[in-house]
Amino acid sequence: MDGEGAGSSRLSDPGSLHRASHKMKAEGLIRSHSEVAVGQVHPRDVSTAKGRRTLRSSKRQLRGLADEVLGDETS
């Protein structure tokens, strides 16, 4: 992602994924949990019910936009 526009983020920017993760946690879209494997603790982020609903809604909106812009090309 280029990130030239206002409010955009650059995935190549060190820490941008970390910031995005914190924002999604604050919005209740994901939650942290730890797993132990081979004696090591691994932090994991998992989606919440709200996060899954938000994702489904966003996908519908994006599909609608793509259909509007591209017409039959998206089918």
PDB file of N, CA and C in Angstrom:
ATOM      1  N   MET A   1       0.845  -1.171   0.000  1.00  0.00           N
ATOM      2  CA  MET A   1       0.000   0.000   0.000  1.00  0.00           C
ATOM      3  C   MET A   1       0.884   1.226   0.000  1.00  0.00           C
ATOM      4  N   ASP A   2       0.504   2.194  -0.794  1.00  0.00           N
ATOM      5  CA  ASP A   2       1.335   3.372  -0.929  1.00  0.00           C
ATOM      6  C   ASP A   2       1.170   4.324   0.241  1.00  0.00           C
ATOM      7  N   GLY A   3      -0.074   4.544   0.674  1.00  0.00           N
ATOM      8  CA  GLY A   3      -0.290   5.377   1.840  1.00  0.00           C
ATOM      9  C   GLY A   3      -0.119   6.858   1.603  1.00  0.00           C
ATOM     10  N   GLU A   4      -0.379   7.330   0.383  1.00  0.00           N
ATOM     11  CA  GLU A   4      -0.209   8.741   0.084  1.00  0.00           C
ATOM     12  C   GLU A   4      -1.361   9.587   0.616  1.00  0.00           C
ATOM     13  N   GLY A   5      -2.564   9.014   0.738  1.00  0.00           N
ATOM     14  CA  GLY A   5      -3.726   9.786   1.141  1.00  0.00           C
ATOM     15  C   GLY A   5      -3.786  10.020   2.636  1.00  0.00           C
ATOM     16  N   ALA A   6      -4.560  11.022   3.029  1.00  0.00           N
ATOM     17  CA  ALA A   6      -4.732  11.310   4.452  1.00  0.00           C
ATOM     18  C   ALA A   6      -5.456  10.156   5.118  1.00  0.00           C
ATOM     19  N   GLY A   7      -5.001   9.754   6.274  1.00  0.00           N
ATOM     20  CA  GLY A   7      -5.640   8.690   7.017  1.00  0.00           C
ATOM     21  C   GLY A   7      -5.243   7.293   6.577  1.00  0.00           C
ATOM     22  N   SER A   8      -4.416   7.183   5.570  1.00  0.00           N
ATOM     23  CA  SER A   8      -3.999   5.855   5.121  1.00  0.00           C
ATOM     24  C   SER A   8      -2.806   5.406   5.946  1.00  0.00           C
ATOM     25  N   SER A   9      -2.543   4.109   5.903  1.00  0.00           N
ATOM     26  CA  SER A   9      -1.364   3.619   6.609  1.00  0.00           C
ATOM     27  C   SER A   9      -0.522   2.805   5.653  1.00  0.00           C
ATOM     28  N   ARG A  10       0.738   2.713   5.937  1.00  0.00           N
ATOM     29  CA  ARG A  10       1.662   1.975   5.087  1.00  0.00           C
ATOM     30  C   ARG A  10       2.050   0.694   5.791  1.00  0.00           C
ATOM     31  N   LEU A  11       1.786  -0.425   5.148  1.00  0.00           N
ATOM     32  CA  LEU A  11       2.145  -1.692   5.762  1.00  0.00           C
ATOM     33  C   LEU A  11       3.653  -1.880   5.797  1.00  0.00           C
ATOM     34  N   SER A  12       4.375  -1.138   4.951  1.00  0.00           N
ATOM     35  CA  SER A  12       5.833  -1.240   4.957  1.00  0.00           C
ATOM     36  C   SER A  12       6.456  -0.436   6.090  1.00  0.00           C
ATOM     37  N   ASP A  13       5.661   0.406   6.736  1.00  0.00           N
ATOM     38  CA  ASP A  13       6.136   1.232   7.845  1.00  0.00           C
ATOM     39  C   ASP A  13       6.313   0.345   9.077  1.00  0.00           C
ATOM     40  N   PRO A  14       7.516   0.310   9.657  1.00  0.00           N
ATOM     41  CA  PRO A  14       7.712  -0.506  10.859  1.00  0.00           C
ATOM     42  C   PRO A  14       6.713  -0.111  11.948  1.00  0.00           C
ATOM     43  N   GLY A  15       6.030  -1.085  12.478  1.00  0.00           N
ATOM     44  CA  GLY A  15       5.070  -0.831  13.544  1.00  0.00           C
ATOM     45  C   GLY A  15       3.647  -0.589  13.091  1.00  0.00           C
ATOM     46  N   SER A  16       3.404  -0.476  11.778  1.00  0.00           N
ATOM     47  CA  SER A  16       2.045  -0.174  11.327  1.00  0.00           C
ATOM     48  C   SER A  16       1.083  -1.323  11.635  1.00  0.00           C
ATOM     49  N   LEU A  17       1.552  -2.547  11.517  1.00  0.00           N
ATOM     50  CA  LEU A  17       0.703  -3.689  11.842  1.00  0.00           C
ATOM     51  C   LEU A  17       0.409  -3.708  13.338  1.00  0.00           C
ATOM     52  N   HIS A  18       1.405  -3.367  14.144  1.00  0.00           N
ATOM     53  CA  HIS A  18       1.237  -3.300  15.602  1.00  0.00           C
ATOM     54  C   HIS A  18       0.189  -2.242  15.961  1.00  0.00           C
ATOM     55  N   ARG A  19       0.275  -1.071  15.334  1.00  0.00           N
ATOM     56  CA  ARG A  19      -0.700   0.000  15.594  1.00  0.00           C
ATOM     57  C   ARG A  19      -2.094  -0.422  15.155  1.00  0.00           C
ATOM     58  N   ALA A  20      -2.198  -1.071  14.002  1.00  0.00           N
ATOM     59  CA  ALA A  20      -3.496  -1.528  13.512  1.00  0.00           C
ATOM     60  C   ALA A  20      -4.097  -2.549  14.476  1.00  0.00           C
ATOM     61  N   SER A  21      -3.270  -3.454  14.984  1.00  0.00           N
ATOM     62  CA  SER A  21      -3.728  -4.453  15.938  1.00  0.00           C
ATOM     63  C   SER A  21      -4.265  -3.793  17.207  1.00  0.00           C
ATOM     64  N   HIS A  22      -3.554  -2.810  17.720  1.00  0.00           N
ATOM     65  CA  HIS A  22      -4.016  -2.100  18.925  1.00  0.00           C
ATOM     66  C   HIS A  22      -5.340  -1.394  18.667  1.00  0.00           C
ATOM     67  N   LYS A  23      -5.485  -0.798  17.501  1.00  0.00           N
ATOM     68  CA  LYS A  23      -6.725  -0.094  17.167  1.00  0.00           C
ATOM     69  C   LYS A  23      -7.890  -1.083  17.091  1.00  0.00           C
ATOM     70  N   MET A  24      -7.678  -2.242  16.463  1.00  0.00           N
ATOM     71  CA  MET A  24      -8.738  -3.242  16.365  1.00  0.00           C
ATOM     72  C   MET A  24      -9.107  -3.792  17.737  1.00  0.00           C
ATOM     73  N   LYS A  25      -8.128  -3.931  18.629  1.00  0.00           N
ATOM     74  CA  LYS A  25      -8.419  -4.376  20.001  1.00  0.00           C
ATOM     75  C   LYS A  25      -9.258  -3.324  20.719  1.00  0.00           C
ATOM     76  N   ALA A  26      -8.888  -2.064  20.578  1.00  0.00           N
ATOM     77  CA  ALA A  26      -9.622  -0.976  21.236  1.00  0.00           C
ATOM     78  C   ALA A  26     -11.063  -0.894  20.731  1.00  0.00           C
ATOM     79  N   GLU A  27     -11.271  -1.260  19.458  1.00  0.00           N
ATOM     80  CA  GLU A  27     -12.617  -1.223  18.875  1.00  0.00           C
ATOM     81  C   GLU A  27     -13.402  -2.509  19.135  1.00  0.00           C
ATOM     82  N   GLY A  28     -12.763  -3.471  19.803  1.00  0.00           N
ATOM     83  CA  GLY A  28     -13.438  -4.719  20.134  1.00  0.00           C
ATOM     84  C   GLY A  28     -13.565  -5.684  18.967  1.00  0.00           C
ATOM     85  N   LEU A  29     -12.715  -5.528  17.940  1.00  0.00           N
ATOM     86  CA  LEU A  29     -12.786  -6.391  16.762  1.00  0.00           C
ATOM     87  C   LEU A  29     -11.953  -7.659  16.926  1.00  0.00           C
ATOM     88  N   ILE A  30     -10.894  -7.575  17.733  1.00  0.00           N
ATOM     89  CA  ILE A  30     -10.054  -8.733  18.025  1.00  0.00           C
ATOM     90  C   ILE A  30      -9.718  -8.722  19.513  1.00  0.00           C
ATOM     91  N   ARG A  31      -9.269  -9.873  20.006  1.00  0.00           N
ATOM     92  CA  ARG A  31      -8.800  -9.947  21.392  1.00  0.00           C
ATOM     93  C   ARG A  31      -7.537 -10.795  21.412  1.00  0.00           C
ATOM     94  N   SER A  32      -6.720 -10.567  22.406  1.00  0.00           N
ATOM     95  CA  SER A  32      -5.468 -11.309  22.541  1.00  0.00           C
ATOM     96  C   SER A  32      -5.681 -12.541  23.396  1.00  0.00           C
ATOM     97  N   HIS A  33      -4.904 -13.555  23.083  1.00  0.00           N
ATOM     98  CA  HIS A  33      -4.886 -14.742  23.914  1.00  0.00           C
ATOM     99  C   HIS A  33      -3.551 -15.431  23.676  1.00  0.00           C
ATOM    100  N   SER A  34      -3.101 -16.183  24.645  1.00  0.00           N
ATOM    101  CA  SER A  34      -1.789 -16.832  24.549  1.00  0.00           C
ATOM    102  C   SER A  34      -1.945 -18.333  24.411  1.00  0.00           C
ATOM    103  N   GLU A  35      -1.062 -18.926  23.610  1.00  0.00           N
ATOM    104  CA  GLU A  35      -1.003 -20.372  23.446  1.00  0.00           C
ATOM    105  C   GLU A  35       0.382 -20.836  23.870  1.00  0.00           C
ATOM    106  N   VAL A  36       0.437 -21.994  24.493  1.00  0.00           N
ATOM    107  CA  VAL A  36       1.722 -22.571  24.865  1.00  0.00           C
ATOM    108  C   VAL A  36       1.993 -23.736  23.921  1.00  0.00           C
ATOM    109  N   ALA A  37       3.137 -23.675  23.260  1.00  0.00           N
ATOM    110  CA  ALA A  37       3.549 -24.750  22.353  1.00  0.00           C
ATOM    111  C   ALA A  37       5.034 -24.999  22.550  1.00  0.00           C
ATOM    112  N   VAL A  38       5.389 -26.236  22.751  1.00  0.00           N
ATOM    113  CA  VAL A  38       6.775 -26.656  22.945  1.00  0.00           C
ATOM    114  C   VAL A  38       7.431 -25.797  24.036  1.00  0.00           C
ATOM    115  N   GLY A  39       6.685 -25.569  25.110  1.00  0.00           N
ATOM    116  CA  GLY A  39       7.227 -24.849  26.245  1.00  0.00           C
ATOM    117  C   GLY A  39       7.372 -23.346  26.066  1.00  0.00           C
ATOM    118  N   GLN A  40       6.881 -22.797  24.968  1.00  0.00           N
ATOM    119  CA  GLN A  40       6.967 -21.351  24.741  1.00  0.00           C
ATOM    120  C   GLN A  40       5.566 -20.758  24.650  1.00  0.00           C
ATOM    121  N   VAL A  41       5.423 -19.558  25.155  1.00  0.00           N
ATOM    122  CA  VAL A  41       4.144 -18.850  25.095  1.00  0.00           C
ATOM    123  C   VAL A  41       4.128 -18.011  23.821  1.00  0.00           C
ATOM    124  N   HIS A  42       3.069 -18.183  23.038  1.00  0.00           N
ATOM    125  CA  HIS A  42       2.913 -17.441  21.785  1.00  0.00           C
ATOM    126  C   HIS A  42       1.647 -16.595  21.866  1.00  0.00           C
ATOM    127  N   PRO A  43       1.776 -15.272  21.788  1.00  0.00           N
ATOM    128  CA  PRO A  43       0.573 -14.436  21.789  1.00  0.00           C
ATOM    129  C   PRO A  43      -0.178 -14.592  20.471  1.00  0.00           C
ATOM    130  N   ARG A  44      -1.492 -14.637  20.544  1.00  0.00           N
ATOM    131  CA  ARG A  44      -2.332 -14.765  19.360  1.00  0.00           C
ATOM    132  C   ARG A  44      -3.466 -13.751  19.449  1.00  0.00           C
ATOM    133  N   ASP A  45      -3.846 -13.205  18.329  1.00  0.00           N
ATOM    134  CA  ASP A  45      -5.026 -12.354  18.256  1.00  0.00           C
ATOM    135  C   ASP A  45      -6.106 -13.139  17.538  1.00  0.00           C
ATOM    136  N   VAL A  46      -7.314 -13.134  18.104  1.00  0.00           N
ATOM    137  CA  VAL A  46      -8.439 -13.827  17.494  1.00  0.00           C
ATOM    138  C   VAL A  46      -9.586 -12.840  17.316  1.00  0.00           C
ATOM    139  N   SER A  47     -10.386 -13.066  16.290  1.00  0.00           N
ATOM    140  CA  SER A  47     -11.505 -12.166  16.024  1.00  0.00           C
ATOM    141  C   SER A  47     -12.614 -12.389  17.040  1.00  0.00           C
ATOM    142  N   THR A  48     -13.321 -11.325  17.340  1.00  0.00           N
ATOM    143  CA  THR A  48     -14.486 -11.386  18.214  1.00  0.00           C
ATOM    144  C   THR A  48     -15.725 -11.505  17.325  1.00  0.00           C
ATOM    145  N   ALA A  49     -16.875 -11.752  17.927  1.00  0.00           N
ATOM    146  CA  ALA A  49     -18.123 -11.795  17.159  1.00  0.00           C
ATOM    147  C   ALA A  49     -18.333 -10.460  16.442  1.00  0.00           C
ATOM    148  N   LYS A  50     -18.052  -9.368  17.138  1.00  0.00           N
ATOM    149  CA  LYS A  50     -18.177  -8.046  16.516  1.00  0.00           C
ATOM    150  C   LYS A  50     -17.223  -7.918  15.331  1.00  0.00           C
ATOM    151  N   GLY A  51     -16.017  -8.421  15.477  1.00  0.00           N
ATOM    152  CA  GLY A  51     -15.037  -8.360  14.392  1.00  0.00           C
ATOM    153  C   GLY A  51     -15.480  -9.149  13.179  1.00  0.00           C
ATOM    154  N   ARG A  52     -16.063 -10.332  13.403  1.00  0.00           N
ATOM    155  CA  ARG A  52     -16.546 -11.151  12.284  1.00  0.00           C
ATOM    156  C   ARG A  52     -17.726 -10.483  11.595  1.00  0.00           C
ATOM    157  N   ARG A  53     -18.630  -9.883  12.374  1.00  0.00           N
ATOM    158  CA  ARG A  53     -19.760  -9.152  11.770  1.00  0.00           C
ATOM    159  C   ARG A  53     -19.264  -7.972  10.946  1.00  0.00           C
ATOM    160  N   THR A  54     -18.296  -7.247  11.487  1.00  0.00           N
ATOM    161  CA  THR A  54     -17.732  -6.092  10.788  1.00  0.00           C
ATOM    162  C   THR A  54     -17.070  -6.524   9.489  1.00  0.00           C
ATOM    163  N   LEU A  55     -16.340  -7.634   9.521  1.00  0.00           N
ATOM    164  CA  LEU A  55     -15.698  -8.142   8.314  1.00  0.00           C
ATOM    165  C   LEU A  55     -16.736  -8.514   7.258  1.00  0.00           C
ATOM    166  N   ARG A  56     -17.786  -9.232   7.651  1.00  0.00           N
ATOM    167  CA  ARG A  56     -18.830  -9.615   6.686  1.00  0.00           C
ATOM    168  C   ARG A  56     -19.472  -8.377   6.063  1.00  0.00           C
ATOM    169  N   SER A  57     -19.767  -7.391   6.891  1.00  0.00           N
ATOM    170  CA  SER A  57     -20.375  -6.157   6.401  1.00  0.00           C
ATOM    171  C   SER A  57     -19.439  -5.428   5.434  1.00  0.00           C
ATOM    172  N   SER A  58     -18.165  -5.347   5.787  1.00  0.00           N
ATOM    173  CA  SER A  58     -17.182  -4.666   4.928  1.00  0.00           C
ATOM    174  C   SER A  58     -17.040  -5.382   3.593  1.00  0.00           C
ATOM    175  N   LYS A  59     -17.055  -6.708   3.622  1.00  0.00           N
ATOM    176  CA  LYS A  59     -16.950  -7.478   2.380  1.00  0.00           C
ATOM    177  C   LYS A  59     -18.156  -7.221   1.477  1.00  0.00           C
ATOM    178  N   ARG A  60     -19.371  -7.153   2.065  1.00  0.00           N
ATOM    179  CA  ARG A  60     -20.567  -6.850   1.271  1.00  0.00           C
ATOM    180  C   ARG A  60     -20.456  -5.469   0.642  1.00  0.00           C
ATOM    181  N   GLN A  61     -19.990  -4.500   1.417  1.00  0.00           N
ATOM    182  CA  GLN A  61     -19.849  -3.135   0.901  1.00  0.00           C
ATOM    183  C   GLN A  61     -18.830  -3.080  -0.232  1.00  0.00           C
ATOM    184  N   LEU A  62     -17.701  -3.767  -0.060  1.00  0.00           N
ATOM    185  CA  LEU A  62     -16.680  -3.781  -1.109  1.00  0.00           C
ATOM    186  C   LEU A  62     -17.169  -4.479  -2.369  1.00  0.00           C
ATOM    187  N   ARG A  63     -17.905  -5.585  -2.202  1.00  0.00           N
ATOM    188  CA  ARG A  63     -18.466  -6.271  -3.371  1.00  0.00           C
ATOM    189  C   ARG A  63     -19.444  -5.360  -4.107  1.00  0.00           C
ATOM    190  N   GLY A  64     -20.277  -4.663  -3.344  1.00  0.00           N
ATOM    191  CA  GLY A  64     -21.228  -3.732  -3.952  1.00  0.00           C
ATOM    192  C   GLY A  64     -20.520  -2.637  -4.718  1.00  0.00           C
ATOM    193  N   LEU A  65     -19.469  -2.095  -4.140  1.00  0.00           N
ATOM    194  CA  LEU A  65     -18.698  -1.050  -4.812  1.00  0.00           C
ATOM    195  C   LEU A  65     -18.036  -1.594  -6.077  1.00  0.00           C
ATOM    196  N   ALA A  66     -17.455  -2.786  -5.977  1.00  0.00           N
ATOM    197  CA  ALA A  66     -16.812  -3.394  -7.143  1.00  0.00           C
ATOM    198  C   ALA A  66     -17.839  -3.642  -8.246  1.00  0.00           C
ATOM    199  N   ASP A  67     -19.016  -4.131  -7.894  1.00  0.00           N
ATOM    200  CA  ASP A  67     -20.066  -4.355  -8.893  1.00  0.00           C
ATOM    201  C   ASP A  67     -20.479  -3.048  -9.553  1.00  0.00           C
ATOM    202  N   GLU A  68     -20.568  -2.002  -8.752  1.00  0.00           N
ATOM    203  CA  GLU A  68     -20.958  -0.691  -9.268  1.00  0.00           C
ATOM    204  C   GLU A  68     -19.914  -0.144 -10.239  1.00  0.00           C
ATOM    205  N   VAL A  69     -18.653  -0.280  -9.893  1.00  0.00           N
ATOM    206  CA  VAL A  69     -17.567   0.279 -10.706  1.00  0.00           C
ATOM    207  C   VAL A  69     -17.260  -0.598 -11.907  1.00  0.00           C
ATOM    208  N   LEU A  70     -17.191  -1.917 -11.693  1.00  0.00           N
ATOM    209  CA  LEU A  70     -16.751  -2.812 -12.739  1.00  0.00           C
ATOM    210  C   LEU A  70     -17.877  -3.512 -13.494  1.00  0.00           C
ATOM    211  N   GLY A  71     -19.071  -3.454 -12.947  1.00  0.00           N
ATOM    212  CA  GLY A  71     -20.203  -4.112 -13.594  1.00  0.00           C
ATOM    213  C   GLY A  71     -20.027  -5.613 -13.657  1.00  0.00           C
ATOM    214  N   ASP A  72     -20.234  -6.193 -14.826  1.00  0.00           N
ATOM    215  CA  ASP A  72     -20.172  -7.654 -15.013  1.00  0.00           C
ATOM    216  C   ASP A  72     -18.777  -8.225 -14.855  1.00  0.00           C
ATOM    217  N   GLU A  73     -17.757  -7.417 -14.839  1.00  0.00           N
ATOM    218  CA  GLU A  73     -16.381  -7.913 -14.733  1.00  0.00           C
ATOM    219  C   GLU A  73     -16.106  -8.634 -13.424  1.00  0.00           C
ATOM    220  N   THR A  74     -16.881  -8.360 -12.370  1.00  0.00           N
ATOM    221  CA  THR A  74     -16.635  -8.964 -11.047  1.00  0.00           C
ATOM    222  C   THR A  74     -17.272 -10.324 -10.904  1.00  0.00           C
ATOM    223  N   SER A  75     -18.115 -10.723 -11.821  1.00  0.00           N
ATOM    224  CA  SER A  75     -18.812 -12.021 -11.717  1.00  0.00           C
ATOM    225  C   SER A  75     -18.002 -13.138 -12.311  1.00  0.00           C
TER     226      SER A  75
END
